[in-house]
Protein backbone atom coordinates (compact mmCIF):
# COMPACT_ATOMS: atom_id res chain seq x y z
CA MET A 1 93.72 65.12 49.67
CA THR A 2 93.64 66.15 45.86
CA MET A 3 96.14 68.47 44.91
CA ARG A 4 97.51 70.82 42.26
CA LEU A 5 100.89 71.43 41.04
CA GLU A 6 101.77 75.39 41.17
CA TYR A 7 105.35 76.98 40.27
CA ASP A 8 107.32 79.62 41.37
CA LEU A 9 111.01 81.28 41.57
CA LEU A 10 111.98 78.22 43.84
CA GLY A 11 110.56 75.51 41.73
CA GLN A 12 107.34 73.77 42.07
CA LEU A 13 104.86 72.73 45.12
CA GLU A 14 101.60 70.67 45.58
CA VAL A 15 98.92 73.02 46.56
CA PRO A 16 95.74 71.84 47.78
CA ALA A 17 93.08 71.65 44.89
CA ASP A 18 90.61 73.32 46.91
CA ALA A 19 92.85 76.31 48.24
CA TYR A 20 92.25 79.57 47.06
CA TYR A 21 95.76 80.55 48.06
CA GLY A 22 98.71 79.74 45.81
CA ILE A 23 102.13 78.52 46.10
CA GLN A 24 103.75 81.59 47.45
CA THR A 25 100.97 81.78 50.16
CA LEU A 26 101.86 77.87 51.01
CA ARG A 27 105.88 78.62 51.61
CA ALA A 28 105.17 81.25 53.85
CA ALA A 29 102.69 79.34 55.96
CA GLN A 30 105.66 76.72 55.88
CA ASN A 31 108.27 79.29 56.91
CA PHE A 32 106.39 81.44 59.29
CA SER A 33 105.34 79.78 62.62
CA VAL A 34 105.83 82.60 65.15
CA THR A 35 102.46 83.71 66.60
CA GLY A 36 100.37 81.20 65.51
CA VAL A 37 97.91 84.06 64.61
CA PRO A 38 97.09 84.13 60.91
CA ILE A 39 95.93 87.08 58.98
CA SER A 40 92.36 85.74 59.08
CA HIS A 41 92.52 86.90 63.04
CA PHE A 42 92.03 90.34 61.69
CA PRO A 43 89.34 90.36 59.32
CA ASP A 44 89.54 94.50 59.38
CA LEU A 45 92.97 94.04 57.48
CA ILE A 46 91.72 91.60 54.95
CA VAL A 47 88.87 94.19 54.01
CA ALA A 48 91.55 96.75 53.50
CA LEU A 49 93.81 94.92 51.57
CA ALA A 50 90.88 93.92 49.03
CA MET A 51 89.72 97.56 48.86
CA VAL A 52 93.42 98.39 47.94
CA LYS A 53 93.41 95.75 45.10
CA ALA A 54 90.15 96.80 43.87
CA ALA A 55 91.18 100.31 43.80
CA SER A 56 94.14 99.36 41.63
CA ALA A 57 92.07 97.36 39.50
CA ARG A 58 89.59 100.14 38.71
CA THR A 59 93.06 102.42 37.83
CA ASN A 60 94.26 99.57 35.91
CA GLN A 61 91.35 99.14 33.63
CA ALA A 62 90.98 102.87 33.24
CA LEU A 63 94.47 103.35 32.02
CA ASN A 64 94.09 100.35 29.79
CA LEU A 65 96.64 98.28 31.66
CA ILE A 66 94.40 95.54 32.17
CA SER A 67 91.35 94.32 30.51
CA GLU A 68 87.69 95.18 31.49
CA LYS A 69 87.35 91.46 31.71
CA LYS A 70 90.16 90.90 34.17
CA ALA A 71 89.18 94.38 36.04
CA GLU A 72 85.73 92.85 36.51
CA ALA A 73 86.70 89.79 37.79
CA ILE A 74 89.47 91.31 40.28
CA VAL A 75 86.87 93.53 41.88
CA GLY A 76 84.42 90.85 41.86
CA ALA A 77 86.84 88.72 44.00
CA CYS A 78 87.34 91.86 46.14
CA GLU A 79 83.72 92.35 47.10
CA GLU A 80 83.45 88.69 47.96
CA LEU A 81 86.25 89.36 50.78
CA ILE A 82 84.71 92.76 51.68
CA ILE A 83 81.34 91.05 52.63
CA GLY A 84 83.42 88.79 54.93
CA ASN A 85 83.79 85.49 52.54
CA TYR A 86 86.92 83.39 52.09
CA HIS A 87 88.68 84.81 54.85
CA ASP A 88 89.66 81.36 56.27
CA GLN A 89 91.90 81.42 52.78
CA PHE A 90 94.33 84.00 54.65
CA ILE A 91 96.66 81.49 56.53
CA VAL A 92 99.93 83.20 56.82
CA ASP A 93 101.12 84.17 60.24
CA VAL A 94 101.00 87.93 60.99
CA ILE A 95 104.72 88.02 61.90
CA GLN A 96 106.73 87.54 58.84
CA GLY A 97 109.95 88.29 56.98
CA GLY A 98 109.59 90.13 53.68
CA ALA A 99 108.24 93.37 54.98
CA GLY A 100 104.63 91.84 54.31
CA THR A 101 105.44 90.26 50.98
CA SER A 102 103.88 87.26 52.04
CA THR A 103 100.53 89.01 53.10
CA ASN A 104 100.30 90.66 50.01
CA MET A 105 101.01 87.43 47.77
CA ASN A 106 98.07 85.48 49.94
CA VAL A 107 95.80 88.41 49.20
CA ASN A 108 97.15 88.34 45.09
CA GLU A 109 96.56 84.59 45.12
CA VAL A 110 93.18 84.28 47.02
CA ILE A 111 91.72 87.49 44.61
CA ALA A 112 93.47 85.54 41.29
CA ASN A 113 91.85 82.32 42.17
CA ILE A 114 88.49 83.72 43.07
CA GLY A 115 88.20 85.52 39.95
CA LEU A 116 89.31 82.83 37.97
CA GLU A 117 86.44 81.07 39.08
CA LEU A 118 84.25 83.87 38.49
CA MET A 119 85.53 84.15 34.77
CA GLY A 120 84.70 80.39 34.47
CA HIS A 121 88.36 78.80 34.91
CA HIS A 122 89.93 76.63 37.57
CA LYS A 123 91.92 77.52 40.27
CA GLY A 124 95.73 77.68 39.55
CA GLU A 125 94.70 78.64 35.68
CA TYR A 126 97.01 81.90 36.08
CA GLN A 127 97.30 82.11 32.25
CA TYR A 128 93.72 83.64 32.67
CA LEU A 129 94.16 85.84 35.57
CA HIS A 130 97.63 86.21 37.26
CA PRO A 131 98.47 87.11 40.69
CA ASN A 132 101.48 89.47 39.95
CA ASP A 133 100.86 90.44 36.55
CA ASP A 134 97.29 91.23 36.87
CA VAL A 135 95.97 91.35 40.53
CA ASN A 136 99.51 93.17 41.64
CA CYS A 137 99.82 95.04 38.41
CA CYS A 138 101.14 98.48 39.06
CA GLN A 139 101.87 97.74 42.58
CA SER A 140 104.50 96.67 45.18
CA THR A 141 104.10 95.06 48.53
CA ASN A 142 105.87 98.37 49.80
CA ASP A 143 102.67 100.45 48.65
CA ALA A 144 99.86 98.31 49.11
CA TYR A 145 100.47 96.62 52.35
CA PRO A 146 100.97 99.77 54.44
CA THR A 147 97.92 101.45 52.48
CA ALA A 148 96.04 98.57 53.44
CA ALA A 149 97.35 98.88 57.16
CA CYS A 150 96.34 102.85 57.23
CA LEU A 151 92.64 101.46 56.16
CA GLY A 152 92.64 98.31 58.12
CA ILE A 153 93.66 100.44 61.75
CA GLN A 154 91.10 103.05 60.79
CA TYR A 155 88.39 100.36 60.28
CA ALA A 156 89.58 98.87 63.89
CA ALA A 157 89.68 101.90 65.37
CA GLU A 158 85.72 102.65 64.61
CA ASN A 159 85.14 99.19 66.13
CA PHE A 160 87.07 100.41 69.43
CA ILE A 161 85.72 104.18 69.61
CA PRO A 162 81.95 102.90 70.34
CA SER A 163 83.00 100.29 72.80
CA LEU A 164 85.45 103.50 74.56
CA SER A 165 82.51 105.80 74.50
CA SER A 166 79.93 103.03 75.74
CA LEU A 167 82.43 102.83 79.00
CA LYS A 168 82.63 106.39 79.20
CA ALA A 169 79.22 106.78 79.25
CA ALA A 170 78.65 104.18 81.88
CA LEU A 171 80.86 106.15 84.27
CA GLU A 172 79.03 109.40 83.44
CA ASP A 173 75.97 107.63 84.56
CA LYS A 174 77.80 106.50 88.11
CA GLY A 175 78.94 110.24 88.28
CA ARG A 176 75.39 111.27 88.45
CA GLU A 177 74.33 108.10 90.51
CA PHE A 178 76.85 109.07 92.98
CA SER A 179 76.81 112.90 92.93
CA HIS A 180 75.19 113.20 96.45
CA ILE A 181 77.90 111.01 98.30
CA LEU A 182 80.35 112.71 99.98
CA LYS A 183 83.86 110.78 100.49
CA MET A 184 87.11 111.75 100.96
CA GLY A 185 89.71 112.48 98.47
CA ARG A 186 93.38 111.22 98.87
CA THR A 187 96.58 112.22 97.84
CA GLN A 188 99.78 109.78 98.16
CA LEU A 189 97.22 107.66 99.52
CA GLN A 190 96.70 109.99 102.37
CA ASP A 191 93.57 111.83 103.30
CA ALA A 192 93.25 115.25 101.68
CA VAL A 193 89.81 117.06 101.22
CA PRO A 194 86.52 115.84 100.86
CA MET A 195 84.96 115.26 97.30
CA THR A 196 81.74 113.37 95.94
CA LEU A 197 82.03 109.93 95.11
CA GLY A 198 80.19 111.33 91.69
CA GLN A 199 82.98 113.69 90.92
CA GLU A 200 85.52 110.83 91.11
CA PHE A 201 83.60 108.95 88.72
CA ASP A 202 82.97 111.97 86.66
CA ALA A 203 86.92 112.21 86.43
CA PHE A 204 87.58 108.74 84.99
CA ALA A 205 84.93 109.73 82.37
CA VAL A 206 86.39 112.88 81.32
CA ASN A 207 90.04 111.27 81.25
CA LEU A 208 88.79 108.47 78.96
CA GLY A 209 86.83 111.09 76.65
CA GLU A 210 89.82 113.07 75.90
CA ASP A 211 91.45 109.81 74.29
CA ILE A 212 88.36 109.77 71.65
CA ASP A 213 89.72 112.98 70.25
CA ARG A 214 93.28 111.83 70.03
CA ILE A 215 92.12 108.41 68.28
CA HIS A 216 90.17 110.86 65.70
CA GLU A 217 93.15 112.53 65.10
CA ALA A 218 95.57 109.61 64.55
CA CYS A 219 93.32 108.45 62.09
CA ALA A 220 93.39 111.42 60.31
CA LEU A 221 97.19 110.91 59.87
CA LEU A 222 96.66 107.57 58.44
CA CYS A 223 94.60 108.87 55.31
CA GLU A 224 98.15 110.20 53.89
CA VAL A 225 99.24 106.94 51.92
CA ASN A 226 102.08 105.86 49.60
CA LEU A 227 99.82 103.99 47.04
CA GLY A 228 101.44 104.12 43.74
CA GLY A 229 104.64 104.35 45.09
CA THR A 230 105.76 101.07 44.11
CA ALA A 231 109.12 99.68 45.39
CA ILE A 232 110.44 102.84 46.78
CA GLY A 233 108.39 105.53 46.19
CA THR A 234 109.79 106.49 43.00
CA GLY A 235 106.38 104.85 41.38
CA ILE A 236 108.52 102.68 38.73
CA ASN A 237 106.39 100.42 36.81
CA THR A 238 103.41 102.82 36.96
CA PRO A 239 102.31 105.23 34.02
CA ALA A 240 102.17 109.19 35.13
CA GLY A 241 99.09 109.93 37.44
CA TYR A 242 98.61 106.62 38.54
CA ALA A 243 99.03 107.12 42.18
CA LYS A 244 96.57 110.23 42.04
CA LEU A 245 93.86 108.07 40.45
CA ALA A 246 94.43 104.84 42.53
CA VAL A 247 94.21 106.95 45.85
CA ALA A 248 91.42 108.65 44.55
CA ASN A 249 89.66 105.47 43.72
CA LEU A 250 90.66 103.84 47.15
CA ALA A 251 89.09 106.92 48.42
CA GLU A 252 85.88 106.59 47.02
CA LEU A 253 85.42 102.95 47.93
CA SER A 254 86.54 103.05 51.49
CA ALA A 255 84.69 106.49 51.89
CA LYS A 256 87.77 108.07 53.75
CA PRO A 257 89.58 111.05 52.87
CA PHE A 258 92.94 109.46 51.57
CA VAL A 259 95.11 111.78 49.74
CA PRO A 260 98.65 110.71 48.08
CA ALA A 261 101.78 111.46 50.47
CA SER A 262 103.45 114.68 49.25
CA ASN A 263 106.69 112.83 48.94
CA LEU A 264 106.39 109.07 48.37
CA VAL A 265 109.84 108.00 48.64
CA GLU A 266 109.49 109.38 52.41
CA ALA A 267 106.12 108.04 53.05
CA THR A 268 107.62 104.35 51.84
CA SER A 269 110.02 104.17 54.57
CA ASP A 270 108.62 106.40 57.09
CA MET A 271 106.52 104.56 60.09
CA GLY A 272 105.74 107.64 61.83
CA ALA A 273 101.92 107.91 61.70
CA PHE A 274 101.80 104.28 62.94
CA VAL A 275 103.97 105.17 65.96
CA PHE A 276 101.94 108.05 66.84
CA PHE A 277 98.51 105.96 66.67
CA SER A 278 100.38 103.55 68.90
CA GLY A 279 101.45 106.17 71.44
CA ILE A 280 97.71 107.24 71.94
CA LEU A 281 96.85 103.46 72.57
CA LYS A 282 99.68 103.53 75.11
CA ARG A 283 98.59 106.59 76.51
CA LEU A 284 94.53 105.48 77.05
CA ALA A 285 96.06 102.17 78.32
CA ILE A 286 97.96 103.84 81.51
CA LYS A 287 94.80 105.57 81.84
CA LEU A 288 92.62 102.60 81.91
CA SER A 289 95.33 101.00 84.16
CA LYS A 290 95.43 103.90 86.65
CA MET A 291 91.66 103.70 86.71
CA SER A 292 91.48 100.16 87.42
CA ASN A 293 93.81 100.64 90.20
CA ASP A 294 91.68 102.79 91.71
CA LEU A 295 88.50 100.82 91.81
CA ARG A 296 90.54 97.94 93.20
CA LEU A 297 91.82 100.53 95.93
CA LEU A 298 88.33 101.64 96.72
CA SER A 299 86.48 98.43 96.73
CA SER A 300 89.58 97.23 99.11
CA GLY A 301 88.20 95.37 102.14
CA PRO A 302 85.23 94.35 102.21
CA ARG A 303 86.01 95.21 106.11
CA THR A 304 89.60 95.89 106.40
CA GLY A 305 90.29 98.23 103.41
CA LEU A 306 88.77 101.47 102.09
CA GLY A 307 85.49 99.78 101.04
CA GLU A 308 83.59 102.82 99.68
CA ILE A 309 82.29 101.00 96.72
CA GLN A 310 81.58 97.36 96.04
CA LEU A 311 82.23 96.03 92.53
CA PRO A 312 79.90 93.20 91.26
CA ALA A 313 80.96 89.64 92.18
CA MET A 314 81.76 87.99 89.23
CA GLN A 315 83.29 84.77 90.61
CA PRO A 316 84.54 83.01 93.60
CA GLY A 317 88.07 84.63 94.67
CA SER A 318 89.62 81.74 96.17
CA SER A 319 90.40 77.95 96.27
CA ILE A 320 91.09 78.05 99.64
CA MET A 321 89.44 81.18 101.65
CA PRO A 322 85.56 80.86 101.40
CA GLY A 323 83.57 84.04 100.81
CA LYS A 324 86.74 85.88 99.01
CA VAL A 325 85.69 87.87 95.74
CA ASN A 326 88.16 89.02 93.92
CA PRO A 327 88.34 92.37 91.63
CA VAL A 328 88.68 90.05 88.48
CA ILE A 329 87.87 92.61 85.86
CA PRO A 330 89.90 95.58 86.37
CA GLU A 331 92.52 92.92 87.16
CA ALA A 332 92.00 91.96 83.44
CA MET A 333 91.95 95.26 82.34
CA ASN A 334 95.03 96.11 84.16
CA GLN A 335 96.61 93.11 82.13
CA THR A 336 95.12 94.42 79.07
CA ALA A 337 96.92 97.94 79.35
CA TYR A 338 100.27 96.27 80.23
CA GLN A 339 100.16 94.30 76.89
CA VAL A 340 99.13 97.29 74.89
CA MET A 341 102.21 99.30 76.41
CA ALA A 342 104.49 96.52 75.68
CA SER A 343 102.97 96.51 72.22
CA ASP A 344 104.09 100.05 71.89
CA MET A 345 107.48 99.46 72.90
CA ALA A 346 107.50 96.72 70.13
CA VAL A 347 105.97 99.46 67.39
CA SER A 348 108.57 101.81 68.32
CA LEU A 349 111.78 99.28 68.03
CA ALA A 350 110.35 97.94 64.67
CA ALA A 351 109.81 101.95 63.57
CA GLU A 352 113.34 102.40 64.43
CA ALA A 353 114.70 99.28 62.78
CA GLY A 354 114.03 100.40 59.12
CA GLN A 355 117.08 101.07 56.90
CA LEU A 356 117.10 103.18 53.89
CA GLN A 357 114.04 103.25 51.59
CA LEU A 358 111.93 100.61 53.11
CA ASN A 359 111.07 99.20 56.82
CA ALA A 360 110.98 95.48 56.66
CA MET A 361 109.54 95.49 60.21
CA GLU A 362 106.15 96.84 58.83
CA PRO A 363 104.55 93.22 59.90
CA MET A 364 105.59 93.68 63.59
CA ILE A 365 103.78 97.32 63.68
CA ILE A 366 100.67 96.41 62.02
CA TYR A 367 100.01 93.16 64.09
CA ASN A 368 100.80 95.14 67.44
CA LEU A 369 98.42 97.79 66.47
CA LEU A 370 95.27 95.96 65.38
CA ASN A 371 95.73 93.34 68.41
CA SER A 372 96.14 96.24 70.70
CA LEU A 373 92.81 97.76 69.27
CA LYS A 374 91.18 94.26 69.30
CA MET A 375 92.24 93.97 72.83
CA LEU A 376 91.18 97.15 73.92
CA THR A 377 87.76 97.04 72.36
CA GLN A 378 86.87 93.51 74.21
CA ALA A 379 88.53 94.80 77.47
CA CYS A 380 86.28 98.18 77.30
CA GLU A 381 82.89 96.17 76.80
CA MET A 382 84.03 93.80 79.47
CA MET A 383 85.09 96.64 82.15
CA GLU A 384 81.36 98.28 81.45
CA ASN A 385 79.45 95.51 81.51
CA ARG A 386 80.82 93.17 84.01
CA CYS A 387 82.10 95.85 86.36
CA ILE A 388 80.93 99.83 86.20
CA LYS A 389 77.40 99.10 85.38
CA GLY A 390 77.16 96.84 88.78
CA ILE A 391 78.92 99.22 90.96
CA LYS A 392 77.29 100.02 94.38
CA ALA A 393 78.39 102.68 96.83
CA ASN A 394 78.91 101.88 100.71
CA GLU A 395 77.46 105.30 101.39
CA GLU A 396 78.17 104.54 105.40
CA ALA A 397 81.94 104.02 105.02
CA CYS A 398 82.55 107.44 102.62
CA ALA A 399 80.59 109.14 105.55
CA ALA A 400 82.60 107.71 108.45
CA HIS A 401 85.81 108.20 106.56
CA VAL A 402 84.87 111.88 106.14
CA ASP A 403 83.70 112.15 109.90
CA ASN A 404 86.73 110.63 111.08
CA SER A 405 89.66 112.53 108.65
CA ILE A 406 91.66 115.26 109.83
CA GLY A 407 91.88 116.02 106.35
CA ILE A 408 88.44 118.20 106.43
CA ILE A 409 90.58 120.85 108.55
CA THR A 410 91.83 122.10 105.39
CA ALA A 411 88.04 123.75 104.91
CA LEU A 412 88.65 125.44 108.02
CA VAL A 413 92.25 127.14 107.50
CA PRO A 414 90.85 130.57 105.86
CA HIS A 415 88.64 130.86 109.22
CA ILE A 416 91.04 130.06 111.90
CA GLY A 417 94.33 130.18 110.20
CA TYR A 418 97.16 127.57 109.20
CA ALA A 419 98.71 127.77 112.52
CA ASN A 420 95.67 126.71 114.22
CA ALA A 421 94.81 124.09 111.94
CA SER A 422 98.08 122.26 112.08
CA ARG A 423 97.77 122.37 115.87
CA ILE A 424 94.32 121.06 115.77
CA ALA A 425 95.05 118.40 113.23
CA ASN A 426 98.06 117.41 115.41
CA THR A 427 96.07 116.95 118.38
CA ALA A 428 93.24 114.89 116.71
CA LEU A 429 95.83 112.43 115.20
CA HIS A 430 97.07 111.75 118.87
CA THR A 431 94.08 112.03 120.61
CA GLY A 432 91.61 110.19 118.52
CA ASN A 433 89.23 113.30 119.15
CA THR A 434 87.54 114.70 115.76
CA VAL A 435 88.46 117.90 114.12
CA LYS A 436 85.12 119.41 114.74
CA ALA A 437 85.18 118.78 118.50
CA LEU A 438 88.33 119.81 119.07
CA ILE A 439 87.44 123.45 117.47
CA ILE A 440 84.63 123.64 119.29
CA GLU A 441 86.06 122.89 122.32
CA GLU A 442 88.54 125.65 121.87
CA ALA A 443 86.11 128.29 120.75
CA LEU A 444 87.73 128.81 117.69
CA LEU A 445 84.46 128.39 115.82
CA THR A 446 80.60 128.22 116.86
CA GLU A 447 79.18 124.69 116.30
CA ASP A 448 76.86 126.65 113.86
CA GLU A 449 79.96 127.87 111.88
CA VAL A 450 81.59 124.66 111.74
CA ASN A 451 78.81 122.75 110.47
CA GLN A 452 78.28 125.44 107.73
CA LEU A 453 81.82 125.55 106.93
CA LEU A 454 81.79 121.62 106.84
CA SER A 455 78.80 121.33 104.57
CA PRO A 456 79.01 119.15 101.72
CA GLU A 457 78.50 122.22 99.50
CA ASN A 458 81.16 124.18 100.81
CA MET A 459 83.71 121.73 100.62
CA VAL A 460 83.47 120.14 97.49
CA ALA A 461 83.28 123.28 95.12
CA PRO A 462 84.98 126.71 95.32
CA ALA A 463 83.39 129.28 97.65
CA LEU A 464 80.43 130.99 96.15
CA SER A 465 81.65 134.53 97.72
CA ALA A 466 84.85 135.40 99.13
C-alpha cells in the first residue's frame, strides 16, 4: 500500500496515500475500538458536521479570516459530504475519549484533503489548506461537535417521524376496519366491560400520535446552539459578532431556525436538550412495547389463549413443535424498545458525568440518541408492514368472550342495582349460567330490556339520554 507521511503533536505516522482522513483520525481509529460502529454508520451526523464546517467557512471568509479561495474549497468539500460522497472516510468509532475531538478532526482532515484536490493540490499538502488553521478556524470541538449533533439528531428525527406517522395511520385503518366488532375489555387481565376491537386499535394510534408532537417540541429545543463559543463558551479566538453570524449561516444552510444560546458558557456544558430528547424516545419506546405486549396477548393461542386477533404468520415458530407460529414482529419491537430504554439510562448517566465547563461524555450521548432513532425508524416500518397491516380479527372468539363474560353485568347496574348485580355475577361464576339468562329467570328485567341494554351501541359509549 502506498503511504504518505503526516505529523502531529506526538510525532509522525504513515497514512494510506489514498485516504482523505489524516494522522489524527488514524490515531483515533487505533485508540478506540469499542462498538465497532464508525461515524459513517450515521450519515445524518456527517451531513450535519459538513454544514457546520461550511457555515463556519462562510463566516470566516466574510470576516476576512481566511481567503476566498480557501473558503470555496472548504465549502466545495462540504457539499460533497452533504450529497453523500466520501462518507467511508469517517472511520473513527462513535464511542471515543476526548469529548468528540476525534470526530471533529476526522471531518476537518477529510474536508481539508477533499479541498486540497479541488484546489489542484495533493492530499496531505496542508500548507495550502490546513485542517486546524483553516477548516477549524474560529471553532473548537466543544462548539462544532455538539452543534452538529443538534442538527444531525433533527435530521434523524425527520427520517423517523414519517415511519411513526405511517404506523399510526395503519393502526387507524385497523380501527376503522374493526369498528363493528364487539369484544371484552380487560383490566388487570380480568374481564372488565365491552368495547369494540376498533376502539382498542384507535387507542393505540392516539397513544403513538401524542409523541409525534413531543418529538417536534424536542427538536425545537435543539435549535439553540453554542457555535462560536469555542473551547468553553467564552468565544476565545473569535472576533466580535462571530457567533451570531456563524449561527445565522448555519440556519440558512440547514433551513433550521438555529439561534445562538443566550449563555454560551452554560450551553457548552449543558446536556439538557439531549436528555429531554432521550426522555421522549424512552416514553415512546415504553408505549410501543406495551402495544406489542397487548398484540401478543390478544393473538395468544391460537386455541387456548385469547385468540381475538390473528397476526400475520411471518416464519415457522419452532424447531420441535410442528405448526407453531410465534408473534416474532411484536417480540422484535419489544426488544427494540428495551434497547431504547437502556440507551436513555446511558444518556442520563453521561449527561450527569460532565464536570465544570464541558461534558466529555458527549460521544456516548450522541451515539445513543442517533442509534435509538435509527432502531426505532426501522422497527416502526417493520411493525407496520410485517404485522399491523396483516392483522385479522377473530370475530367469533370476540363474540364468544362477550357472551360468556360476567363483566357485561356492569351495563345493568343502573337498572338492577349493585347488590343484585353482584349476586347475579357470583351465581353466574359458580353455576356457569350466563348473566343474561339469570336476570331473565329472576324477572329483574324482561328479555327485551336485557337485549336493549346489552346491545353494542349501549355498551361501548355513554348513554344517549339519562
